[in-house]
């Protein structure tokens, strides 16, 4: 849970710095969590493109063998 400014102002200096670091880390973790879905989608798209390229290359080689 994020600390509010009012709460931070009431804290001792060292405790305040520690609480700010916790707030910052929570924000970073939230942003990384939001990226997980995007990364999973990109990974699936990448695999699909790779398999498509393999399939097309296989078709090309089969077509070339038919011509021989």
PDB file of N, CA and C in Angstrom:
ATOM      1  N   UNK A   1       0.842  -1.173   0.000  1.00  0.00           N
ATOM      2  CA  UNK A   1       0.000   0.000   0.000  1.00  0.00           C
ATOM      3  C   UNK A   1       0.887   1.236   0.000  1.00  0.00           C
ATOM      4  N   UNK A   2       0.549   2.195  -0.812  1.00  0.00           N
ATOM      5  CA  UNK A   2       1.347   3.413  -0.933  1.00  0.00           C
ATOM      6  C   UNK A   2       1.104   4.338   0.264  1.00  0.00           C
ATOM      7  N   UNK A   3       2.175   4.987   0.674  1.00  0.00           N
ATOM      8  CA  UNK A   3       2.068   5.960   1.757  1.00  0.00           C
ATOM      9  C   UNK A   3       1.655   7.308   1.181  1.00  0.00           C
ATOM     10  N   UNK A   4       0.747   7.969   1.853  1.00  0.00           N
ATOM     11  CA  UNK A   4       0.306   9.296   1.410  1.00  0.00           C
ATOM     12  C   UNK A   4       1.306  10.340   1.879  1.00  0.00           C
ATOM     13  N   UNK A   5       1.272  11.505   1.214  1.00  0.00           N
ATOM     14  CA  UNK A   5       2.208  12.587   1.565  1.00  0.00           C
ATOM     15  C   UNK A   5       2.074  12.988   3.027  1.00  0.00           C
ATOM     16  N   UNK A   6       0.843  13.059   3.486  1.00  0.00           N
ATOM     17  CA  UNK A   6       0.599  13.480   4.864  1.00  0.00           C
ATOM     18  C   UNK A   6       1.251  12.501   5.840  1.00  0.00           C
ATOM     19  N   UNK A   7       1.134  11.233   5.539  1.00  0.00           N
ATOM     20  CA  UNK A   7       1.737  10.211   6.391  1.00  0.00           C
ATOM     21  C   UNK A   7       3.262  10.298   6.333  1.00  0.00           C
ATOM     22  N   UNK A   8       3.796  10.513   5.132  1.00  0.00           N
ATOM     23  CA  UNK A   8       5.250  10.622   4.984  1.00  0.00           C
ATOM     24  C   UNK A   8       5.804  11.812   5.762  1.00  0.00           C
ATOM     25  N   UNK A   9       5.081  12.927   5.775  1.00  0.00           N
ATOM     26  CA  UNK A   9       5.557  14.122   6.480  1.00  0.00           C
ATOM     27  C   UNK A   9       5.680  13.895   7.977  1.00  0.00           C
ATOM     28  N   UNK A  10       4.868  13.013   8.512  1.00  0.00           N
ATOM     29  CA  UNK A  10       4.876  12.757   9.953  1.00  0.00           C
ATOM     30  C   UNK A  10       5.996  11.810  10.369  1.00  0.00           C
ATOM     31  N   UNK A  11       6.619  11.142   9.428  1.00  0.00           N
ATOM     32  CA  UNK A  11       7.641  10.149   9.739  1.00  0.00           C
ATOM     33  C   UNK A  11       8.996  10.795  10.004  1.00  0.00           C
ATOM     34  N   UNK A  12       9.834  10.041  10.699  1.00  0.00           N
ATOM     35  CA  UNK A  12      11.219  10.447  10.912  1.00  0.00           C
ATOM     36  C   UNK A  12      11.947  10.380   9.568  1.00  0.00           C
ATOM     37  N   UNK A  13      13.040  11.135   9.372  1.00  0.00           N
ATOM     38  CA  UNK A  13      13.726  11.202   8.073  1.00  0.00           C
ATOM     39  C   UNK A  13      14.141   9.849   7.478  1.00  0.00           C
ATOM     40  N   UNK A  14      14.733   8.992   8.279  1.00  0.00           N
ATOM     41  CA  UNK A  14      15.188   7.706   7.743  1.00  0.00           C
ATOM     42  C   UNK A  14      13.991   6.830   7.377  1.00  0.00           C
ATOM     43  N   UNK A  15      12.987   6.830   8.232  1.00  0.00           N
ATOM     44  CA  UNK A  15      11.779   6.058   7.958  1.00  0.00           C
ATOM     45  C   UNK A  15      11.082   6.584   6.711  1.00  0.00           C
ATOM     46  N   UNK A  16      11.095   7.897   6.549  1.00  0.00           N
ATOM     47  CA  UNK A  16      10.470   8.521   5.373  1.00  0.00           C
ATOM     48  C   UNK A  16      11.171   8.076   4.096  1.00  0.00           C
ATOM     49  N   UNK A  17      12.502   8.057   4.097  1.00  0.00           N
ATOM     50  CA  UNK A  17      13.255   7.602   2.924  1.00  0.00           C
ATOM     51  C   UNK A  17      12.930   6.146   2.614  1.00  0.00           C
ATOM     52  N   UNK A  18      12.866   5.328   3.636  1.00  0.00           N
ATOM     53  CA  UNK A  18      12.538   3.916   3.470  1.00  0.00           C
ATOM     54  C   UNK A  18      11.135   3.763   2.865  1.00  0.00           C
ATOM     55  N   UNK A  19      10.175   4.525   3.366  1.00  0.00           N
ATOM     56  CA  UNK A  19       8.803   4.454   2.858  1.00  0.00           C
ATOM     57  C   UNK A  19       8.734   4.920   1.404  1.00  0.00           C
ATOM     58  N   UNK A  20       9.501   5.938   1.039  1.00  0.00           N
ATOM     59  CA  UNK A  20       9.523   6.397  -0.353  1.00  0.00           C
ATOM     60  C   UNK A  20      10.089   5.325  -1.279  1.00  0.00           C
ATOM     61  N   UNK A  21      11.114   4.630  -0.828  1.00  0.00           N
ATOM     62  CA  UNK A  21      11.687   3.539  -1.631  1.00  0.00           C
ATOM     63  C   UNK A  21      10.660   2.438  -1.819  1.00  0.00           C
ATOM     64  N   UNK A  22       9.930   2.119  -0.761  1.00  0.00           N
ATOM     65  CA  UNK A  22       8.873   1.107  -0.867  1.00  0.00           C
ATOM     66  C   UNK A  22       7.823   1.554  -1.882  1.00  0.00           C
ATOM     67  N   UNK A  23       7.418   2.819  -1.832  1.00  0.00           N
ATOM     68  CA  UNK A  23       6.444   3.344  -2.797  1.00  0.00           C
ATOM     69  C   UNK A  23       6.965   3.208  -4.225  1.00  0.00           C
ATOM     70  N   UNK A  24       8.224   3.552  -4.418  1.00  0.00           N
ATOM     71  CA  UNK A  24       8.812   3.479  -5.751  1.00  0.00           C
ATOM     72  C   UNK A  24       8.868   2.031  -6.256  1.00  0.00           C
ATOM     73  N   UNK A  25       9.277   1.111  -5.389  1.00  0.00           N
ATOM     74  CA  UNK A  25       9.334  -0.301  -5.775  1.00  0.00           C
ATOM     75  C   UNK A  25       7.955  -0.854  -6.103  1.00  0.00           C
ATOM     76  N   UNK A  26       6.944  -0.452  -5.340  1.00  0.00           N
ATOM     77  CA  UNK A  26       5.582  -0.894  -5.644  1.00  0.00           C
ATOM     78  C   UNK A  26       5.139  -0.403  -7.013  1.00  0.00           C
ATOM     79  N   UNK A  27       5.498   0.820  -7.353  1.00  0.00           N
ATOM     80  CA  UNK A  27       5.157   1.361  -8.670  1.00  0.00           C
ATOM     81  C   UNK A  27       5.850   0.591  -9.789  1.00  0.00           C
ATOM     82  N   UNK A  28       7.116   0.262  -9.577  1.00  0.00           N
ATOM     83  CA  UNK A  28       7.873  -0.491 -10.585  1.00  0.00           C
ATOM     84  C   UNK A  28       7.267  -1.875 -10.760  1.00  0.00           C
ATOM     85  N   UNK A  29       6.922  -2.544  -9.661  1.00  0.00           N
ATOM     86  CA  UNK A  29       6.312  -3.873  -9.749  1.00  0.00           C
ATOM     87  C   UNK A  29       4.974  -3.823 -10.475  1.00  0.00           C
ATOM     88  N   UNK A  30       4.208  -2.781 -10.245  1.00  0.00           N
ATOM     89  CA  UNK A  30       2.919  -2.631 -10.923  1.00  0.00           C
ATOM     90  C   UNK A  30       3.123  -2.466 -12.428  1.00  0.00           C
ATOM     91  N   UNK A  31       4.106  -1.659 -12.813  1.00  0.00           N
ATOM     92  CA  UNK A  31       4.386  -1.456 -14.237  1.00  0.00           C
ATOM     93  C   UNK A  31       4.880  -2.743 -14.887  1.00  0.00           C
ATOM     94  N   UNK A  32       5.729  -3.482 -14.204  1.00  0.00           N
ATOM     95  CA  UNK A  32       6.213  -4.760 -14.746  1.00  0.00           C
ATOM     96  C   UNK A  32       5.068  -5.757 -14.889  1.00  0.00           C
ATOM     97  N   UNK A  33       4.166  -5.762 -13.934  1.00  0.00           N
ATOM     98  CA  UNK A  33       3.007  -6.643 -14.017  1.00  0.00           C
ATOM     99  C   UNK A  33       2.140  -6.317 -15.218  1.00  0.00           C
ATOM    100  N   UNK A  34       2.015  -5.028 -15.529  1.00  0.00           N
ATOM    101  CA  UNK A  34       1.222  -4.621 -16.686  1.00  0.00           C
ATOM    102  C   UNK A  34       1.896  -5.038 -17.997  1.00  0.00           C
ATOM    103  N   UNK A  35       3.211  -5.143 -18.008  1.00  0.00           N
ATOM    104  CA  UNK A  35       3.938  -5.527 -19.209  1.00  0.00           C
ATOM    105  C   UNK A  35       3.850  -7.021 -19.504  1.00  0.00           C
ATOM    106  N   UNK A  36       3.522  -7.824 -18.502  1.00  0.00           N
ATOM    107  CA  UNK A  36       3.493  -9.272 -18.672  1.00  0.00           C
ATOM    108  C   UNK A  36       2.566  -9.691 -19.798  1.00  0.00           C
ATOM    109  N   UNK A  37       1.378  -9.124 -19.848  1.00  0.00           N
ATOM    110  CA  UNK A  37       0.412  -9.478 -20.899  1.00  0.00           C
ATOM    111  C   UNK A  37       0.941  -9.094 -22.283  1.00  0.00           C
ATOM    112  N   UNK A  38       1.544  -7.925 -22.395  1.00  0.00           N
ATOM    113  CA  UNK A  38       2.100  -7.492 -23.680  1.00  0.00           C
ATOM    114  C   UNK A  38       3.227  -8.414 -24.137  1.00  0.00           C
ATOM    115  N   UNK A  39       4.092  -8.790 -23.210  1.00  0.00           N
ATOM    116  CA  UNK A  39       5.209  -9.667 -23.559  1.00  0.00           C
ATOM    117  C   UNK A  39       4.696 -11.031 -24.006  1.00  0.00           C
ATOM    118  N   UNK A  40       3.688 -11.554 -23.323  1.00  0.00           N
ATOM    119  CA  UNK A  40       3.127 -12.852 -23.710  1.00  0.00           C
ATOM    120  C   UNK A  40       2.537 -12.783 -25.118  1.00  0.00           C
ATOM    121  N   UNK A  41       1.850 -11.686 -25.441  1.00  0.00           N
ATOM    122  CA  UNK A  41       1.270 -11.529 -26.774  1.00  0.00           C
ATOM    123  C   UNK A  41       2.359 -11.424 -27.829  1.00  0.00           C
ATOM    124  N   UNK A  42       3.412 -10.668 -27.551  1.00  0.00           N
ATOM    125  CA  UNK A  42       4.521 -10.540 -28.499  1.00  0.00           C
ATOM    126  C   UNK A  42       5.225 -11.877 -28.713  1.00  0.00           C
ATOM    127  N   UNK A  43       5.372 -12.648 -27.652  1.00  0.00           N
ATOM    128  CA  UNK A  43       6.020 -13.947 -27.777  1.00  0.00           C
ATOM    129  C   UNK A  43       5.195 -14.882 -28.666  1.00  0.00           C
ATOM    130  N   UNK A  44       3.876 -14.880 -28.486  1.00  0.00           N
ATOM    131  CA  UNK A  44       3.008 -15.719 -29.318  1.00  0.00           C
ATOM    132  C   UNK A  44       3.079 -15.286 -30.777  1.00  0.00           C
ATOM    133  N   UNK A  45       3.066 -13.984 -31.029  1.00  0.00           N
ATOM    134  CA  UNK A  45       3.171 -13.478 -32.396  1.00  0.00           C
ATOM    135  C   UNK A  45       4.506 -13.852 -33.024  1.00  0.00           C
ATOM    136  N   UNK A  46       5.566 -13.753 -32.246  1.00  0.00           N
ATOM    137  CA  UNK A  46       6.894 -14.091 -32.746  1.00  0.00           C
ATOM    138  C   UNK A  46       6.973 -15.562 -33.142  1.00  0.00           C
ATOM    139  N   UNK A  47       6.421 -16.430 -32.300  1.00  0.00           N
ATOM    140  CA  UNK A  47       6.428 -17.863 -32.615  1.00  0.00           C
ATOM    141  C   UNK A  47       5.625 -18.149 -33.876  1.00  0.00           C
ATOM    142  N   UNK A  48       4.476 -17.478 -34.010  1.00  0.00           N
ATOM    143  CA  UNK A  48       3.638 -17.691 -35.193  1.00  0.00           C
ATOM    144  C   UNK A  48       4.372 -17.256 -36.455  1.00  0.00           C
ATOM    145  N   UNK A  49       5.047 -16.121 -36.404  1.00  0.00           N
ATOM    146  CA  UNK A  49       5.802 -15.657 -37.570  1.00  0.00           C
ATOM    147  C   UNK A  49       6.944 -16.600 -37.907  1.00  0.00           C
ATOM    148  N   UNK A  50       7.609 -17.121 -36.892  1.00  0.00           N
ATOM    149  CA  UNK A  50       8.716 -18.059 -37.113  1.00  0.00           C
ATOM    150  C   UNK A  50       8.208 -19.329 -37.787  1.00  0.00           C
ATOM    151  N   UNK A  51       7.093 -19.866 -37.274  1.00  0.00           N
ATOM    152  CA  UNK A  51       6.527 -21.086 -37.869  1.00  0.00           C
ATOM    153  C   UNK A  51       6.046 -20.832 -39.290  1.00  0.00           C
ATOM    154  N   UNK A  52       5.486 -19.651 -39.533  1.00  0.00           N
ATOM    155  CA  UNK A  52       5.036 -19.310 -40.887  1.00  0.00           C
ATOM    156  C   UNK A  52       6.216 -19.261 -41.844  1.00  0.00           C
ATOM    157  N   UNK A  53       7.307 -18.639 -41.382  1.00  0.00           N
ATOM    158  CA  UNK A  53       8.511 -18.550 -42.222  1.00  0.00           C
ATOM    159  C   UNK A  53       9.056 -19.946 -42.512  1.00  0.00           C
ATOM    160  N   UNK A  54       9.091 -20.816 -41.513  1.00  0.00           N
ATOM    161  CA  UNK A  54       9.549 -22.192 -41.726  1.00  0.00           C
ATOM    162  C   UNK A  54       8.659 -22.909 -42.733  1.00  0.00           C
ATOM    163  N   UNK A  55       7.365 -22.727 -42.603  1.00  0.00           N
ATOM    164  CA  UNK A  55       6.411 -23.376 -43.503  1.00  0.00           C
ATOM    165  C   UNK A  55       6.605 -22.888 -44.932  1.00  0.00           C
ATOM    166  N   UNK A  56       6.744 -21.556 -45.087  1.00  0.00           N
ATOM    167  CA  UNK A  56       6.917 -20.998 -46.436  1.00  0.00           C
ATOM    168  C   UNK A  56       8.228 -21.457 -47.061  1.00  0.00           C
ATOM    169  N   UNK A  57       9.286 -21.537 -46.268  1.00  0.00           N
ATOM    170  CA  UNK A  57      10.565 -22.020 -46.799  1.00  0.00           C
ATOM    171  C   UNK A  57      10.447 -23.486 -47.204  1.00  0.00           C
ATOM    172  N   UNK A  58       9.717 -24.265 -46.436  1.00  0.00           N
ATOM    173  CA  UNK A  58       9.506 -25.662 -46.774  1.00  0.00           C
ATOM    174  C   UNK A  58       8.726 -25.804 -48.068  1.00  0.00           C
ATOM    175  N   UNK A  59       7.729 -24.938 -48.261  1.00  0.00           N
ATOM    176  CA  UNK A  59       6.947 -24.969 -49.490  1.00  0.00           C
ATOM    177  C   UNK A  59       7.814 -24.588 -50.682  1.00  0.00           C
ATOM    178  N   UNK A  60       8.678 -23.600 -50.495  1.00  0.00           N
ATOM    179  CA  UNK A  60       9.561 -23.146 -51.561  1.00  0.00           C
ATOM    180  C   UNK A  60      10.498 -24.273 -51.984  1.00  0.00           C
ATOM    181  N   UNK A  61      11.052 -24.974 -51.006  1.00  0.00           N
ATOM    182  CA  UNK A  61      11.962 -26.075 -51.333  1.00  0.00           C
ATOM    183  C   UNK A  61      11.211 -27.199 -52.048  1.00  0.00           C
ATOM    184  N   UNK A  62       9.977 -27.472 -51.620  1.00  0.00           N
ATOM    185  CA  UNK A  62       9.188 -28.512 -52.299  1.00  0.00           C
ATOM    186  C   UNK A  62       8.884 -28.112 -53.732  1.00  0.00           C
ATOM    187  N   UNK A  63       8.575 -26.836 -53.980  1.00  0.00           N
ATOM    188  CA  UNK A  63       8.303 -26.350 -55.317  1.00  0.00           C
ATOM    189  C   UNK A  63       9.547 -26.466 -56.193  1.00  0.00           C
ATOM    190  N   UNK A  64      10.701 -26.168 -55.640  1.00  0.00           N
ATOM    191  CA  UNK A  64      11.952 -26.241 -56.403  1.00  0.00           C
ATOM    192  C   UNK A  64      12.261 -27.701 -56.769  1.00  0.00           C
ATOM    193  N   UNK A  65      11.970 -28.635 -55.893  1.00  0.00           N
ATOM    194  CA  UNK A  65      12.228 -30.052 -56.186  1.00  0.00           C
ATOM    195  C   UNK A  65      11.278 -30.549 -57.281  1.00  0.00           C
ATOM    196  N   UNK A  66      10.044 -30.021 -57.301  1.00  0.00           N
ATOM    197  CA  UNK A  66       9.091 -30.400 -58.355  1.00  0.00           C
ATOM    198  C   UNK A  66       9.574 -29.958 -59.720  1.00  0.00           C
ATOM    199  N   UNK A  67      10.283 -28.848 -59.790  1.00  0.00           N
ATOM    200  CA  UNK A  67      10.755 -28.330 -61.062  1.00  0.00           C
ATOM    201  C   UNK A  67      11.919 -29.157 -61.607  1.00  0.00           C
ATOM    202  N   UNK A  68      12.633 -29.837 -60.753  1.00  0.00           N
ATOM    203  CA  UNK A  68      13.805 -30.601 -61.201  1.00  0.00           C
ATOM    204  C   UNK A  68      13.445 -31.854 -61.879  1.00  0.00           C
TER     205      UNK A  68
END
